[in-house]
Amino acid sequence: MESSKKLLVLGFALIGLVVLPCTCSATMTVSIDTDKNSYYLGENVNFTAKVVIVNERGGCCDLNSSSLTIKDGDSQVC
């Protein structure tokens, strides 16, 4: 009887792992690496992007890549 209780508890634990969603949240901040107030069209702008990922349940939102790709033509108006 004791072993069946252990199996039942283990079964519920496994179901909980499957059913509970893996949630995480992320914030991104971008800062320009200069104190200039204006830029000319086509001028290169150096910036730093920082992404912070928070796991709501530990270890479920691991990064597969540590690189950030910005394609030509992508823009953000601010």
N, C-alpha and C. Protein backbone atom coordinates (compact mmCIF):
# COMPACT_ATOMS: atom_id res chain seq x y z
N MET A 1 0.82 -1.20 0.00
CA MET A 1 0.00 0.00 0.00
C MET A 1 0.86 1.26 0.00
N GLU A 2 1.96 1.22 0.75
CA GLU A 2 2.85 2.38 0.83
C GLU A 2 3.46 2.70 -0.53
N SER A 3 3.84 1.67 -1.29
CA SER A 3 4.44 1.91 -2.60
C SER A 3 3.42 2.49 -3.58
N SER A 4 2.16 2.13 -3.46
CA SER A 4 1.15 2.69 -4.35
C SER A 4 0.93 4.17 -4.05
N LYS A 5 1.05 4.57 -2.78
CA LYS A 5 0.94 5.99 -2.42
C LYS A 5 2.10 6.78 -3.02
N LYS A 6 3.29 6.19 -2.96
CA LYS A 6 4.46 6.86 -3.53
C LYS A 6 4.29 7.02 -5.04
N LEU A 7 3.79 5.98 -5.70
CA LEU A 7 3.56 6.07 -7.14
C LEU A 7 2.51 7.12 -7.47
N LEU A 8 1.48 7.21 -6.65
CA LEU A 8 0.43 8.20 -6.87
C LEU A 8 0.98 9.61 -6.73
N VAL A 9 1.77 9.85 -5.70
CA VAL A 9 2.38 11.17 -5.50
C VAL A 9 3.33 11.49 -6.65
N LEU A 10 4.13 10.52 -7.07
CA LEU A 10 5.03 10.72 -8.19
C LEU A 10 4.26 11.03 -9.47
N GLY A 11 3.15 10.33 -9.67
CA GLY A 11 2.32 10.58 -10.86
C GLY A 11 1.77 11.99 -10.87
N PHE A 12 1.27 12.47 -9.72
CA PHE A 12 0.77 13.84 -9.64
C PHE A 12 1.88 14.86 -9.87
N ALA A 13 3.06 14.57 -9.37
CA ALA A 13 4.19 15.48 -9.57
C ALA A 13 4.55 15.56 -11.05
N LEU A 14 4.57 14.44 -11.73
CA LEU A 14 4.88 14.44 -13.16
C LEU A 14 3.81 15.15 -13.97
N ILE A 15 2.54 14.96 -13.60
CA ILE A 15 1.45 15.66 -14.28
C ILE A 15 1.60 17.17 -14.06
N GLY A 16 1.98 17.56 -12.86
CA GLY A 16 2.19 18.98 -12.57
C GLY A 16 3.28 19.58 -13.41
N LEU A 17 4.34 18.83 -13.65
CA LEU A 17 5.43 19.33 -14.48
C LEU A 17 4.99 19.50 -15.93
N VAL A 18 4.12 18.63 -16.39
CA VAL A 18 3.66 18.70 -17.77
C VAL A 18 2.61 19.79 -17.94
N VAL A 19 1.71 19.93 -16.99
CA VAL A 19 0.58 20.84 -17.13
C VAL A 19 0.96 22.29 -16.85
N LEU A 20 1.79 22.53 -15.85
CA LEU A 20 2.13 23.90 -15.50
C LEU A 20 2.90 24.56 -16.63
N PRO A 21 2.47 25.75 -17.04
CA PRO A 21 3.17 26.42 -18.14
C PRO A 21 4.54 26.92 -17.71
N CYS A 22 5.42 26.93 -18.64
CA CYS A 22 6.76 27.47 -18.40
C CYS A 22 6.72 28.94 -18.78
N THR A 23 6.62 29.81 -17.80
CA THR A 23 6.50 31.24 -18.09
C THR A 23 7.78 31.97 -17.72
N CYS A 24 8.09 32.94 -18.52
CA CYS A 24 9.21 33.81 -18.22
C CYS A 24 8.90 35.18 -18.80
N SER A 25 9.60 36.17 -18.32
CA SER A 25 9.41 37.52 -18.83
C SER A 25 10.78 38.10 -19.15
N ALA A 26 10.78 39.08 -20.04
CA ALA A 26 12.05 39.69 -20.43
C ALA A 26 11.87 41.19 -20.58
N THR A 27 12.91 41.91 -20.23
CA THR A 27 12.95 43.35 -20.48
C THR A 27 14.20 43.66 -21.28
N MET A 28 14.11 44.66 -22.13
CA MET A 28 15.25 45.05 -22.95
C MET A 28 15.45 46.55 -22.84
N THR A 29 16.67 46.95 -22.55
CA THR A 29 17.01 48.37 -22.53
C THR A 29 18.12 48.61 -23.54
N VAL A 30 18.03 49.72 -24.23
CA VAL A 30 19.03 50.09 -25.24
C VAL A 30 19.56 51.46 -24.87
N SER A 31 20.87 51.59 -24.81
CA SER A 31 21.47 52.89 -24.55
C SER A 31 22.49 53.20 -25.64
N ILE A 32 22.51 54.46 -26.08
CA ILE A 32 23.46 54.90 -27.10
C ILE A 32 24.77 55.25 -26.41
N ASP A 33 25.87 54.77 -26.98
CA ASP A 33 27.18 54.90 -26.34
C ASP A 33 27.86 56.24 -26.64
N THR A 34 27.13 57.32 -26.55
CA THR A 34 27.70 58.64 -26.76
C THR A 34 26.76 59.67 -26.17
N ASP A 35 27.24 60.88 -26.01
CA ASP A 35 26.37 61.94 -25.47
C ASP A 35 25.92 62.90 -26.56
N LYS A 36 26.04 62.51 -27.82
CA LYS A 36 25.58 63.37 -28.92
C LYS A 36 24.07 63.50 -28.87
N ASN A 37 23.57 64.66 -29.29
CA ASN A 37 22.13 64.89 -29.29
C ASN A 37 21.49 64.63 -30.65
N SER A 38 22.28 64.58 -31.70
CA SER A 38 21.70 64.38 -33.03
C SER A 38 22.68 63.62 -33.91
N TYR A 39 22.14 62.98 -34.95
CA TYR A 39 22.93 62.19 -35.87
C TYR A 39 22.52 62.52 -37.29
N TYR A 40 23.44 62.34 -38.23
CA TYR A 40 23.13 62.51 -39.64
C TYR A 40 22.60 61.21 -40.20
N LEU A 41 21.74 61.30 -41.21
CA LEU A 41 21.20 60.12 -41.86
C LEU A 41 22.33 59.27 -42.41
N GLY A 42 22.36 58.00 -42.08
CA GLY A 42 23.40 57.10 -42.55
C GLY A 42 24.60 57.01 -41.63
N GLU A 43 24.65 57.84 -40.61
CA GLU A 43 25.77 57.81 -39.67
C GLU A 43 25.65 56.59 -38.76
N ASN A 44 26.78 55.93 -38.51
CA ASN A 44 26.77 54.77 -37.61
C ASN A 44 26.54 55.22 -36.17
N VAL A 45 25.75 54.44 -35.46
CA VAL A 45 25.47 54.71 -34.06
C VAL A 45 25.84 53.48 -33.25
N ASN A 46 26.74 53.63 -32.31
CA ASN A 46 27.10 52.52 -31.42
C ASN A 46 26.16 52.54 -30.22
N PHE A 47 25.67 51.36 -29.87
CA PHE A 47 24.73 51.28 -28.75
C PHE A 47 24.95 49.98 -28.00
N THR A 48 24.40 49.93 -26.80
CA THR A 48 24.44 48.73 -25.97
C THR A 48 23.01 48.28 -25.71
N ALA A 49 22.73 47.02 -25.98
CA ALA A 49 21.42 46.44 -25.70
C ALA A 49 21.57 45.44 -24.56
N LYS A 50 20.71 45.57 -23.56
CA LYS A 50 20.75 44.66 -22.41
C LYS A 50 19.39 43.97 -22.29
N VAL A 51 19.41 42.64 -22.31
CA VAL A 51 18.19 41.85 -22.19
C VAL A 51 18.25 41.08 -20.88
N VAL A 52 17.23 41.23 -20.05
CA VAL A 52 17.15 40.53 -18.78
C VAL A 52 15.96 39.57 -18.84
N ILE A 53 16.23 38.28 -18.70
CA ILE A 53 15.18 37.26 -18.74
C ILE A 53 14.98 36.74 -17.32
N VAL A 54 13.73 36.74 -16.87
CA VAL A 54 13.39 36.28 -15.53
C VAL A 54 12.56 35.02 -15.66
N ASN A 55 13.02 33.95 -15.04
CA ASN A 55 12.27 32.70 -15.02
C ASN A 55 11.23 32.75 -13.91
N GLU A 56 9.96 32.57 -14.29
CA GLU A 56 8.91 32.48 -13.28
C GLU A 56 9.00 31.13 -12.57
N ARG A 57 9.38 30.10 -13.32
CA ARG A 57 9.69 28.78 -12.75
C ARG A 57 11.13 28.49 -13.13
N GLY A 58 11.97 28.24 -12.18
CA GLY A 58 13.40 28.14 -12.41
C GLY A 58 13.83 27.20 -13.52
N GLY A 59 14.75 27.68 -14.34
CA GLY A 59 15.41 26.84 -15.33
C GLY A 59 14.62 26.49 -16.56
N CYS A 60 13.48 27.12 -16.79
CA CYS A 60 12.68 26.69 -17.95
C CYS A 60 12.82 27.63 -19.14
N CYS A 61 13.52 28.72 -19.00
CA CYS A 61 13.67 29.66 -20.11
C CYS A 61 15.15 29.88 -20.41
N ASP A 62 15.86 28.81 -20.61
CA ASP A 62 17.29 28.92 -20.89
C ASP A 62 17.52 29.49 -22.28
N LEU A 63 18.57 30.29 -22.41
CA LEU A 63 18.93 30.84 -23.71
C LEU A 63 19.68 29.79 -24.52
N ASN A 64 19.33 29.66 -25.78
CA ASN A 64 20.06 28.76 -26.66
C ASN A 64 21.19 29.47 -27.37
N SER A 65 21.15 30.79 -27.40
CA SER A 65 22.18 31.56 -28.09
C SER A 65 22.40 32.85 -27.33
N SER A 66 23.62 33.27 -27.26
CA SER A 66 23.92 34.52 -26.56
C SER A 66 24.17 35.66 -27.53
N SER A 67 23.76 35.51 -28.78
CA SER A 67 24.01 36.56 -29.76
C SER A 67 22.73 37.29 -30.11
N LEU A 68 22.86 38.55 -30.48
CA LEU A 68 21.75 39.39 -30.90
C LEU A 68 22.01 39.80 -32.33
N THR A 69 21.06 39.54 -33.20
CA THR A 69 21.22 39.87 -34.61
C THR A 69 20.32 41.04 -34.96
N ILE A 70 20.90 42.08 -35.52
CA ILE A 70 20.13 43.22 -35.99
C ILE A 70 20.33 43.31 -37.49
N LYS A 71 19.26 43.18 -38.23
CA LYS A 71 19.34 43.15 -39.69
C LYS A 71 19.30 44.57 -40.24
N ASP A 72 19.93 44.77 -41.39
CA ASP A 72 19.87 46.06 -42.06
C ASP A 72 18.42 46.43 -42.32
N GLY A 73 18.07 47.65 -42.01
CA GLY A 73 16.71 48.11 -42.24
C GLY A 73 15.83 48.04 -41.02
N ASP A 74 16.21 47.26 -40.01
CA ASP A 74 15.42 47.24 -38.78
C ASP A 74 15.58 48.58 -38.07
N SER A 75 14.50 49.10 -37.55
CA SER A 75 14.59 50.40 -36.88
C SER A 75 13.61 50.47 -35.74
N GLN A 76 13.88 51.36 -34.85
CA GLN A 76 12.98 51.63 -33.73
C GLN A 76 12.89 53.13 -33.57
N VAL A 77 11.68 53.66 -33.63
CA VAL A 77 11.49 55.09 -33.47
C VAL A 77 11.27 55.38 -32.00
N CYS A 78 12.01 56.34 -31.47
CA CYS A 78 11.83 56.69 -30.06
C CYS A 78 12.00 58.18 -29.87
